[in-house]
Structures are given as structure tokens and as C-alpha cells.
Amino acid sequence: MRIMVAAVGRLKQGPERDLAERYCKRAAEVGRAVGLTAIDIVEIRESRADSAERRMLEESIAIANILPERAVTAILDERGKSLTSVNFAGQLQTWRSENRPAAVFIIGGADGLAPTLREKNRLTLAFGAATWPHQLVRIMLLEQIYRAATLLAGHPYHRA
């Protein structure tokens, strides 16, 4: 199963990008042993539309256009469900056992996502009740994907 992180906006060169790339590389290396065929980050261009509603719509259309057929989607949102790392790993394992070709984690722009895209997702995921900068959400998500891969592989990275 391929893992995709679709994020509105780009990470500029610097420590955030370096850390995101490090977790992505680690997750890809460990993930191969447990059936995660690739870990990809797709950066979606931020809309420059005048209204928040139009920006949301344009960014959501761009995300919808990159979703692989039969992919399962999860949206990152502070109103979502908080999962333990073990439960997150279990969710990936469940999707993989359903023979899903891809799991796509969506990080929307500052204005959020259009309702049509939100309605199609399988999971709304939160990293607590706080609102986090998109750069940090991407890093935290990639770390959790790496941690999930290590849990599924029986690697000692995660300690309960």
C-alpha cells in the first residue's frame, strides 16, 4: 500500500523540511518490510483566490485530482479523532488488509477543505485539540507513519 501525504503549501528549505524528509525516508525504509510500498509527499499549490470559500474549493479540487482510485483518505483536523500510535498503526494495517492501493493523508490550507472533499474521507484525525502550524502537522504525521511502520515491523523504536 502506498502512503501519500497531500499537503496544501510548500515547506521551504530549512530544519522543518529536513526533518520531514528524514521521517519520510525512514518510514519508506522500514515500511517496505510491512507492505508499505512508497511514502510520497504531494505539495498542493496554495490558491490565491480572493475569498476563503473560493480558496478552499480550488485547493480541494487540486487534492481530489491527485487521489488514486480506491484510495482511502484521512483528513488532519483539530476536530478529528485522536489515536494512540498503536491504534494509528492498526488503522494502517486494516487499510492494507483491505487491499487498498493507497492511503492519503490530507493537510488542508489555512481556510480548510471544501465540504465535498471532507464528506468523502474515511477518517478525520487530530493531533490533540490545539491548532498546529501546517509545517509541524506534516512532520508529526510523518513521524507517526514512521512509528506505525516500526510497530508493524516489530522494530524497537516505539516503547509503550
N, C-alpha and C. Protein backbone atom coordinates (compact mmCIF):
# COMPACT_ATOMS: atom_id res chain seq x y z
N MET A 1 0.85 -1.18 0.00
CA MET A 1 0.00 0.00 0.00
C MET A 1 0.89 1.24 0.00
N ARG A 2 0.57 2.14 -0.85
CA ARG A 2 1.29 3.41 -0.95
C ARG A 2 0.71 4.39 0.06
N ILE A 3 1.57 5.15 0.71
CA ILE A 3 1.14 6.20 1.63
C ILE A 3 1.43 7.53 0.95
N MET A 4 0.42 8.39 0.90
CA MET A 4 0.61 9.74 0.36
C MET A 4 0.22 10.76 1.42
N VAL A 5 1.01 11.81 1.48
CA VAL A 5 0.66 12.97 2.28
C VAL A 5 0.41 14.09 1.28
N ALA A 6 -0.84 14.52 1.17
CA ALA A 6 -1.20 15.62 0.28
C ALA A 6 -1.36 16.86 1.15
N ALA A 7 -0.47 17.82 0.97
CA ALA A 7 -0.46 18.99 1.83
C ALA A 7 -0.54 20.27 1.00
N VAL A 8 -1.45 21.14 1.40
CA VAL A 8 -1.54 22.44 0.74
C VAL A 8 -0.39 23.29 1.26
N GLY A 9 0.39 23.82 0.35
CA GLY A 9 1.54 24.65 0.69
C GLY A 9 2.84 23.88 0.60
N ARG A 10 3.90 24.63 0.52
CA ARG A 10 5.24 24.05 0.40
C ARG A 10 6.04 24.29 1.67
N LEU A 11 6.88 23.32 2.00
CA LEU A 11 7.85 23.54 3.07
C LEU A 11 9.08 24.16 2.43
N LYS A 12 9.51 25.30 2.95
CA LYS A 12 10.71 25.94 2.44
C LYS A 12 11.94 25.18 2.94
N GLN A 13 13.06 25.40 2.30
CA GLN A 13 14.31 24.80 2.77
C GLN A 13 14.55 25.22 4.21
N GLY A 14 15.02 24.29 5.02
CA GLY A 14 15.29 24.60 6.42
C GLY A 14 15.07 23.38 7.28
N PRO A 15 15.10 23.56 8.59
CA PRO A 15 15.02 22.42 9.50
C PRO A 15 13.71 21.64 9.42
N GLU A 16 12.58 22.33 9.16
CA GLU A 16 11.31 21.61 9.06
C GLU A 16 11.32 20.67 7.87
N ARG A 17 11.79 21.15 6.73
CA ARG A 17 11.86 20.32 5.53
C ARG A 17 12.83 19.16 5.74
N ASP A 18 13.96 19.44 6.36
CA ASP A 18 14.94 18.38 6.62
C ASP A 18 14.35 17.29 7.50
N LEU A 19 13.64 17.69 8.56
CA LEU A 19 13.05 16.71 9.47
C LEU A 19 11.94 15.91 8.77
N ALA A 20 11.12 16.59 8.00
CA ALA A 20 10.06 15.89 7.26
C ALA A 20 10.67 14.87 6.30
N GLU A 21 11.71 15.25 5.59
CA GLU A 21 12.36 14.33 4.65
C GLU A 21 13.00 13.15 5.38
N ARG A 22 13.57 13.41 6.56
CA ARG A 22 14.18 12.33 7.34
C ARG A 22 13.15 11.29 7.75
N TYR A 23 11.99 11.74 8.28
CA TYR A 23 10.96 10.78 8.68
C TYR A 23 10.36 10.06 7.47
N CYS A 24 10.22 10.76 6.37
CA CYS A 24 9.69 10.14 5.15
C CYS A 24 10.65 9.03 4.69
N LYS A 25 11.93 9.31 4.68
CA LYS A 25 12.93 8.31 4.26
C LYS A 25 12.94 7.12 5.21
N ARG A 26 12.92 7.38 6.50
CA ARG A 26 12.90 6.29 7.49
C ARG A 26 11.65 5.43 7.34
N ALA A 27 10.50 6.08 7.17
CA ALA A 27 9.24 5.34 7.03
C ALA A 27 9.28 4.47 5.77
N ALA A 28 9.83 4.99 4.70
CA ALA A 28 9.92 4.21 3.46
C ALA A 28 10.81 2.99 3.63
N GLU A 29 11.93 3.17 4.32
CA GLU A 29 12.86 2.05 4.53
C GLU A 29 12.24 0.95 5.37
N VAL A 30 11.64 1.30 6.50
CA VAL A 30 11.03 0.31 7.38
C VAL A 30 9.73 -0.22 6.78
N GLY A 31 9.00 0.65 6.12
CA GLY A 31 7.69 0.30 5.59
C GLY A 31 7.69 -0.79 4.54
N ARG A 32 8.75 -0.89 3.77
CA ARG A 32 8.80 -1.92 2.72
C ARG A 32 8.62 -3.32 3.30
N ALA A 33 9.16 -3.54 4.50
CA ALA A 33 9.06 -4.86 5.13
C ALA A 33 7.64 -5.21 5.57
N VAL A 34 6.78 -4.20 5.68
CA VAL A 34 5.41 -4.46 6.15
C VAL A 34 4.36 -4.10 5.10
N GLY A 35 4.77 -4.02 3.86
CA GLY A 35 3.82 -3.81 2.78
C GLY A 35 3.49 -2.38 2.44
N LEU A 36 4.28 -1.44 2.95
CA LEU A 36 4.10 -0.04 2.56
C LEU A 36 5.07 0.21 1.41
N THR A 37 4.55 0.30 0.20
CA THR A 37 5.40 0.31 -0.99
C THR A 37 6.09 1.64 -1.25
N ALA A 38 5.49 2.73 -0.80
CA ALA A 38 6.08 4.06 -1.01
C ALA A 38 5.47 5.04 -0.02
N ILE A 39 6.25 6.04 0.30
CA ILE A 39 5.78 7.15 1.12
C ILE A 39 6.04 8.41 0.29
N ASP A 40 4.98 9.05 -0.18
CA ASP A 40 5.12 10.21 -1.06
C ASP A 40 4.49 11.44 -0.43
N ILE A 41 5.12 12.57 -0.66
CA ILE A 41 4.56 13.85 -0.25
C ILE A 41 4.21 14.62 -1.52
N VAL A 42 2.95 15.03 -1.60
CA VAL A 42 2.50 15.82 -2.75
C VAL A 42 2.11 17.20 -2.21
N GLU A 43 2.82 18.20 -2.66
CA GLU A 43 2.53 19.56 -2.21
C GLU A 43 1.58 20.21 -3.21
N ILE A 44 0.48 20.71 -2.68
CA ILE A 44 -0.56 21.35 -3.48
C ILE A 44 -0.36 22.86 -3.39
N ARG A 45 -0.38 23.49 -4.53
CA ARG A 45 -0.20 24.94 -4.58
C ARG A 45 -1.33 25.65 -3.84
N GLU A 46 -0.98 26.63 -3.03
CA GLU A 46 -1.98 27.43 -2.32
C GLU A 46 -2.74 28.30 -3.32
N SER A 47 -4.04 28.35 -3.17
CA SER A 47 -4.86 29.19 -4.03
C SER A 47 -4.64 30.65 -3.68
N ARG A 48 -4.73 31.50 -4.67
CA ARG A 48 -4.60 32.96 -4.47
C ARG A 48 -5.96 33.66 -4.69
N ALA A 49 -7.04 32.88 -4.65
CA ALA A 49 -8.38 33.45 -4.86
C ALA A 49 -8.68 34.50 -3.79
N ASP A 50 -9.60 35.39 -4.12
CA ASP A 50 -9.94 36.49 -3.22
C ASP A 50 -10.72 36.07 -1.98
N SER A 51 -11.56 35.05 -2.09
CA SER A 51 -12.39 34.66 -0.95
C SER A 51 -11.93 33.33 -0.36
N ALA A 52 -12.16 33.17 0.92
CA ALA A 52 -11.80 31.93 1.61
C ALA A 52 -12.55 30.74 1.00
N GLU A 53 -13.81 30.93 0.67
CA GLU A 53 -14.61 29.86 0.08
C GLU A 53 -14.02 29.40 -1.25
N ARG A 54 -13.60 30.34 -2.06
CA ARG A 54 -13.02 30.01 -3.37
C ARG A 54 -11.65 29.34 -3.20
N ARG A 55 -10.84 29.81 -2.24
CA ARG A 55 -9.53 29.19 -1.96
C ARG A 55 -9.73 27.73 -1.53
N MET A 56 -10.68 27.52 -0.63
CA MET A 56 -10.99 26.17 -0.16
C MET A 56 -11.38 25.26 -1.32
N LEU A 57 -12.24 25.75 -2.17
CA LEU A 57 -12.72 24.97 -3.30
C LEU A 57 -11.58 24.64 -4.27
N GLU A 58 -10.79 25.62 -4.64
CA GLU A 58 -9.69 25.39 -5.58
C GLU A 58 -8.67 24.39 -5.03
N GLU A 59 -8.32 24.54 -3.76
CA GLU A 59 -7.35 23.63 -3.16
C GLU A 59 -7.92 22.22 -3.04
N SER A 60 -9.20 22.11 -2.70
CA SER A 60 -9.84 20.79 -2.58
C SER A 60 -9.93 20.10 -3.94
N ILE A 61 -10.21 20.86 -4.99
CA ILE A 61 -10.25 20.28 -6.34
C ILE A 61 -8.86 19.75 -6.71
N ALA A 62 -7.83 20.52 -6.40
CA ALA A 62 -6.46 20.09 -6.71
C ALA A 62 -6.12 18.80 -5.96
N ILE A 63 -6.56 18.69 -4.73
CA ILE A 63 -6.31 17.46 -3.95
C ILE A 63 -7.09 16.30 -4.55
N ALA A 64 -8.37 16.52 -4.84
CA ALA A 64 -9.21 15.45 -5.41
C ALA A 64 -8.61 14.92 -6.71
N ASN A 65 -7.97 15.79 -7.47
CA ASN A 65 -7.39 15.38 -8.75
C ASN A 65 -6.17 14.47 -8.62
N ILE A 66 -5.54 14.42 -7.46
CA ILE A 66 -4.35 13.57 -7.30
C ILE A 66 -4.66 12.28 -6.53
N LEU A 67 -5.91 12.11 -6.09
CA LEU A 67 -6.25 10.91 -5.31
C LEU A 67 -6.28 9.68 -6.21
N PRO A 68 -5.50 8.65 -5.85
CA PRO A 68 -5.56 7.41 -6.63
C PRO A 68 -6.93 6.74 -6.48
N GLU A 69 -7.31 6.02 -7.51
CA GLU A 69 -8.57 5.28 -7.48
C GLU A 69 -8.55 4.27 -6.33
N ARG A 70 -9.66 4.18 -5.60
CA ARG A 70 -9.85 3.27 -4.47
C ARG A 70 -8.98 3.59 -3.26
N ALA A 71 -8.35 4.76 -3.27
CA ALA A 71 -7.53 5.14 -2.11
C ALA A 71 -8.45 5.47 -0.93
N VAL A 72 -7.96 5.19 0.25
CA VAL A 72 -8.66 5.59 1.47
C VAL A 72 -8.06 6.93 1.88
N THR A 73 -8.91 7.83 2.36
CA THR A 73 -8.42 9.16 2.72
C THR A 73 -8.64 9.46 4.19
N ALA A 74 -7.72 10.21 4.73
CA ALA A 74 -7.81 10.69 6.12
C ALA A 74 -7.46 12.18 6.10
N ILE A 75 -8.26 12.96 6.78
CA ILE A 75 -8.05 14.40 6.85
C ILE A 75 -7.51 14.76 8.23
N LEU A 76 -6.53 15.63 8.25
CA LEU A 76 -5.99 16.14 9.51
C LEU A 76 -6.78 17.38 9.90
N ASP A 77 -7.36 17.37 11.09
CA ASP A 77 -8.23 18.46 11.54
C ASP A 77 -8.28 18.40 13.07
N GLU A 78 -8.18 19.55 13.71
CA GLU A 78 -8.18 19.56 15.19
C GLU A 78 -9.48 19.05 15.78
N ARG A 79 -10.54 18.98 14.98
CA ARG A 79 -11.82 18.44 15.46
C ARG A 79 -11.92 16.94 15.25
N GLY A 80 -10.85 16.34 14.77
CA GLY A 80 -10.86 14.92 14.45
C GLY A 80 -10.63 14.04 15.67
N LYS A 81 -10.43 12.78 15.37
CA LYS A 81 -10.23 11.76 16.39
C LYS A 81 -8.74 11.65 16.73
N SER A 82 -8.44 11.61 18.01
CA SER A 82 -7.05 11.39 18.45
C SER A 82 -6.83 9.90 18.62
N LEU A 83 -5.83 9.38 17.94
CA LEU A 83 -5.49 7.97 18.03
C LEU A 83 -4.16 7.80 18.74
N THR A 84 -4.03 6.73 19.50
CA THR A 84 -2.72 6.39 20.02
C THR A 84 -1.86 5.93 18.85
N SER A 85 -0.57 5.90 19.03
CA SER A 85 0.32 5.43 17.98
C SER A 85 0.02 3.98 17.61
N VAL A 86 -0.30 3.17 18.60
CA VAL A 86 -0.62 1.76 18.35
C VAL A 86 -1.91 1.66 17.52
N ASN A 87 -2.92 2.46 17.86
CA ASN A 87 -4.16 2.46 17.09
C ASN A 87 -3.96 2.99 15.67
N PHE A 88 -3.09 3.98 15.53
CA PHE A 88 -2.77 4.51 14.21
C PHE A 88 -2.13 3.42 13.36
N ALA A 89 -1.19 2.68 13.93
CA ALA A 89 -0.56 1.57 13.21
C ALA A 89 -1.61 0.52 12.83
N GLY A 90 -2.52 0.24 13.74
CA GLY A 90 -3.59 -0.71 13.47
C GLY A 90 -4.49 -0.25 12.34
N GLN A 91 -4.73 1.05 12.27
CA GLN A 91 -5.55 1.59 11.18
C GLN A 91 -4.86 1.38 9.83
N LEU A 92 -3.56 1.63 9.78
CA LEU A 92 -2.81 1.39 8.54
C LEU A 92 -2.86 -0.08 8.16
N GLN A 93 -2.71 -0.93 9.15
CA GLN A 93 -2.74 -2.38 8.90
C GLN A 93 -4.11 -2.80 8.37
N THR A 94 -5.18 -2.24 8.93
CA THR A 94 -6.54 -2.55 8.46
C THR A 94 -6.71 -2.14 7.00
N TRP A 95 -6.30 -0.92 6.67
CA TRP A 95 -6.43 -0.46 5.29
C TRP A 95 -5.60 -1.32 4.34
N ARG A 96 -4.42 -1.70 4.79
CA ARG A 96 -3.57 -2.57 3.96
C ARG A 96 -4.24 -3.92 3.74
N SER A 97 -4.86 -4.47 4.78
CA SER A 97 -5.53 -5.77 4.66
C SER A 97 -6.79 -5.69 3.80
N GLU A 98 -7.33 -4.50 3.61
CA GLU A 98 -8.48 -4.30 2.71
C GLU A 98 -8.02 -4.18 1.25
N ASN A 99 -6.73 -4.37 1.03
CA ASN A 99 -6.13 -4.27 -0.31
C ASN A 99 -6.33 -2.89 -0.94
N ARG A 100 -6.27 -1.88 -0.12
CA ARG A 100 -6.33 -0.51 -0.63
C ARG A 100 -5.01 -0.20 -1.34
N PRO A 101 -5.06 0.40 -2.52
CA PRO A 101 -3.80 0.70 -3.21
C PRO A 101 -3.03 1.84 -2.54
N ALA A 102 -3.77 2.71 -1.82
CA ALA A 102 -3.12 3.86 -1.21
C ALA A 102 -3.95 4.37 -0.03
N ALA A 103 -3.22 4.97 0.91
CA ALA A 103 -3.84 5.73 1.99
C ALA A 103 -3.32 7.15 1.83
N VAL A 104 -4.24 8.11 1.72
CA VAL A 104 -3.85 9.50 1.50
C VAL A 104 -4.25 10.31 2.73
N PHE A 105 -3.25 10.96 3.33
CA PHE A 105 -3.47 11.84 4.47
C PHE A 105 -3.46 13.26 3.93
N ILE A 106 -4.55 14.00 4.19
CA ILE A 106 -4.74 15.32 3.60
C ILE A 106 -4.58 16.40 4.67
N ILE A 107 -3.68 17.33 4.40
CA ILE A 107 -3.47 18.50 5.25
C ILE A 107 -3.94 19.70 4.44
N GLY A 108 -5.07 20.25 4.79
CA GLY A 108 -5.65 21.35 4.03
C GLY A 108 -4.93 22.67 4.26
N GLY A 109 -5.37 23.67 3.53
CA GLY A 109 -4.81 25.01 3.66
C GLY A 109 -5.37 25.74 4.87
N ALA A 110 -4.99 26.98 5.01
CA ALA A 110 -5.41 27.79 6.16
C ALA A 110 -6.92 27.94 6.25
N ASP A 111 -7.62 27.89 5.11
CA ASP A 111 -9.07 28.06 5.10
C ASP A 111 -9.82 26.75 5.25
N GLY A 112 -9.11 25.63 5.26
CA GLY A 112 -9.76 24.33 5.40
C GLY A 112 -10.03 23.68 4.06
N LEU A 113 -10.92 22.70 4.07
CA LEU A 113 -11.25 21.92 2.88
C LEU A 113 -12.72 22.07 2.55
N ALA A 114 -13.04 21.93 1.28
CA ALA A 114 -14.43 22.01 0.83
C ALA A 114 -15.23 20.85 1.43
N PRO A 115 -16.49 21.08 1.75
CA PRO A 115 -17.33 20.01 2.31
C PRO A 115 -17.38 18.76 1.44
N THR A 116 -17.35 18.90 0.13
CA THR A 116 -17.42 17.73 -0.74
C THR A 116 -16.22 16.81 -0.54
N LEU A 117 -15.05 17.37 -0.28
CA LEU A 117 -13.86 16.55 -0.02
C LEU A 117 -13.91 15.97 1.39
N ARG A 118 -14.37 16.78 2.34
CA ARG A 118 -14.45 16.31 3.73
C ARG A 118 -15.42 15.14 3.87
N GLU A 119 -16.50 15.15 3.12
CA GLU A 119 -17.51 14.09 3.21
C GLU A 119 -17.00 12.74 2.71
N LYS A 120 -16.02 12.75 1.84
CA LYS A 120 -15.53 11.51 1.23
C LYS A 120 -14.44 10.82 2.05
N ASN A 121 -13.96 11.47 3.11
CA ASN A 121 -12.85 10.88 3.85
C ASN A 121 -13.31 9.76 4.76
N ARG A 122 -12.40 8.87 5.07
CA ARG A 122 -12.68 7.70 5.91
C ARG A 122 -12.39 7.99 7.38
N LEU A 123 -11.45 8.91 7.62
CA LEU A 123 -11.03 9.21 8.98
C LEU A 123 -10.67 10.67 9.08
N THR A 124 -11.13 11.32 10.15
CA THR A 124 -10.68 12.67 10.46
C THR A 124 -9.82 12.54 11.70
N LEU A 125 -8.56 12.91 11.54
CA LEU A 125 -7.53 12.65 12.54
C LEU A 125 -7.04 13.96 13.15
N ALA A 126 -6.82 13.96 14.46
CA ALA A 126 -6.30 15.15 15.15
C ALA A 126 -5.07 14.78 15.96
N PHE A 127 -4.18 15.73 16.08
CA PHE A 127 -3.05 15.60 16.99
C PHE A 127 -3.33 16.48 18.20
N GLY A 128 -4.43 16.16 18.90
CA GLY A 128 -4.85 16.93 20.05
C GLY A 128 -5.82 18.02 19.66
N ALA A 129 -6.30 18.76 20.65
CA ALA A 129 -7.31 19.79 20.42
C ALA A 129 -6.72 21.11 19.95
N ALA A 130 -5.42 21.26 20.05
CA ALA A 130 -4.76 22.50 19.65
C ALA A 130 -4.71 22.61 18.13
N THR A 131 -4.60 23.84 17.65
CA THR A 131 -4.37 24.09 16.23
C THR A 131 -2.86 24.19 16.04
N TRP A 132 -2.34 23.40 15.10
CA TRP A 132 -0.90 23.36 14.84
C TRP A 132 -0.58 23.99 13.49
N PRO A 133 0.60 24.59 13.36
CA PRO A 133 1.03 25.07 12.04
C PRO A 133 1.13 23.89 11.08
N HIS A 134 0.80 24.13 9.82
CA HIS A 134 0.81 23.05 8.83
C HIS A 134 2.16 22.38 8.71
N GLN A 135 3.24 23.13 8.87
CA GLN A 135 4.58 22.54 8.78
C GLN A 135 4.77 21.49 9.87
N LEU A 136 4.35 21.81 11.09
CA LEU A 136 4.52 20.88 12.19
C LEU A 136 3.59 19.68 12.06
N VAL A 137 2.37 19.90 11.56
CA VAL A 137 1.45 18.78 11.35
C VAL A 137 2.06 17.78 10.39
N ARG A 138 2.68 18.28 9.33
CA ARG A 138 3.30 17.38 8.35
C ARG A 138 4.41 16.56 9.01
N ILE A 139 5.23 17.20 9.81
CA ILE A 139 6.32 16.49 10.50
C ILE A 139 5.75 15.47 11.48
N MET A 140 4.75 15.87 12.27
CA MET A 140 4.16 14.94 13.24
C MET A 140 3.51 13.76 12.53
N LEU A 141 2.83 14.01 11.42
CA LEU A 141 2.20 12.93 10.67
C LEU A 141 3.26 11.96 10.13
N LEU A 142 4.32 12.49 9.54
CA LEU A 142 5.37 11.62 9.00
C LEU A 142 6.05 10.82 10.11
N GLU A 143 6.22 11.43 11.28
CA GLU A 143 6.79 10.69 12.40
C GLU A 143 5.85 9.56 12.81
N GLN A 144 4.55 9.81 12.84
CA GLN A 144 3.59 8.77 13.22
C GLN A 144 3.53 7.66 12.17
N ILE A 145 3.69 8.00 10.90
CA ILE A 145 3.75 6.98 9.86
C ILE A 145 4.99 6.12 10.05
N TYR A 146 6.12 6.77 10.34
CA TYR A 146 7.35 6.02 10.62
C TYR A 146 7.16 5.14 11.86
N ARG A 147 6.59 5.70 12.91
CA ARG A 147 6.37 4.93 14.15
C ARG A 147 5.45 3.75 13.88
N ALA A 148 4.39 3.96 13.09
CA ALA A 148 3.46 2.88 12.75
C ALA A 148 4.19 1.76 12.00
N ALA A 149 5.04 2.15 11.05
CA ALA A 149 5.80 1.14 10.30
C ALA A 149 6.71 0.35 11.23
N THR A 150 7.34 1.02 12.19
CA THR A 150 8.22 0.30 13.12
C THR A 150 7.40 -0.62 14.02
N LEU A 151 6.23 -0.18 14.44
CA LEU A 151 5.36 -1.03 15.26
C LEU A 151 4.96 -2.28 14.49
N LEU A 152 4.54 -2.09 13.23
CA LEU A 152 4.11 -3.23 12.42
C LEU A 152 5.27 -4.18 12.11
N ALA A 153 6.49 -3.63 12.06
CA ALA A 153 7.68 -4.44 11.76
C ALA A 153 8.30 -5.06 13.02
N GLY A 154 7.79 -4.70 14.19
CA GLY A 154 8.36 -5.22 15.43
C GLY A 154 9.70 -4.57 15.78
N HIS A 155 9.93 -3.41 15.25
CA HIS A 155 11.16 -2.65 15.49
C HIS A 155 11.07 -1.97 16.87
N PRO A 156 12.16 -1.82 17.60
CA PRO A 156 12.09 -1.29 18.97
C PRO A 156 11.95 0.24 19.09
N TYR A 157 11.74 0.99 18.01
CA TYR A 157 11.63 2.44 18.09
C TYR A 157 10.54 2.87 19.07
N HIS A 158 9.36 2.24 19.00
CA HIS A 158 8.24 2.60 19.87
C HIS A 158 8.35 1.85 21.20
N ARG A 159 8.26 2.59 22.25
CA ARG A 159 8.27 1.98 23.58
C ARG A 159 7.01 2.40 24.31
N ALA A 160 6.22 1.46 24.75
CA ALA A 160 4.95 1.76 25.41
C ALA A 160 5.15 2.22 26.82
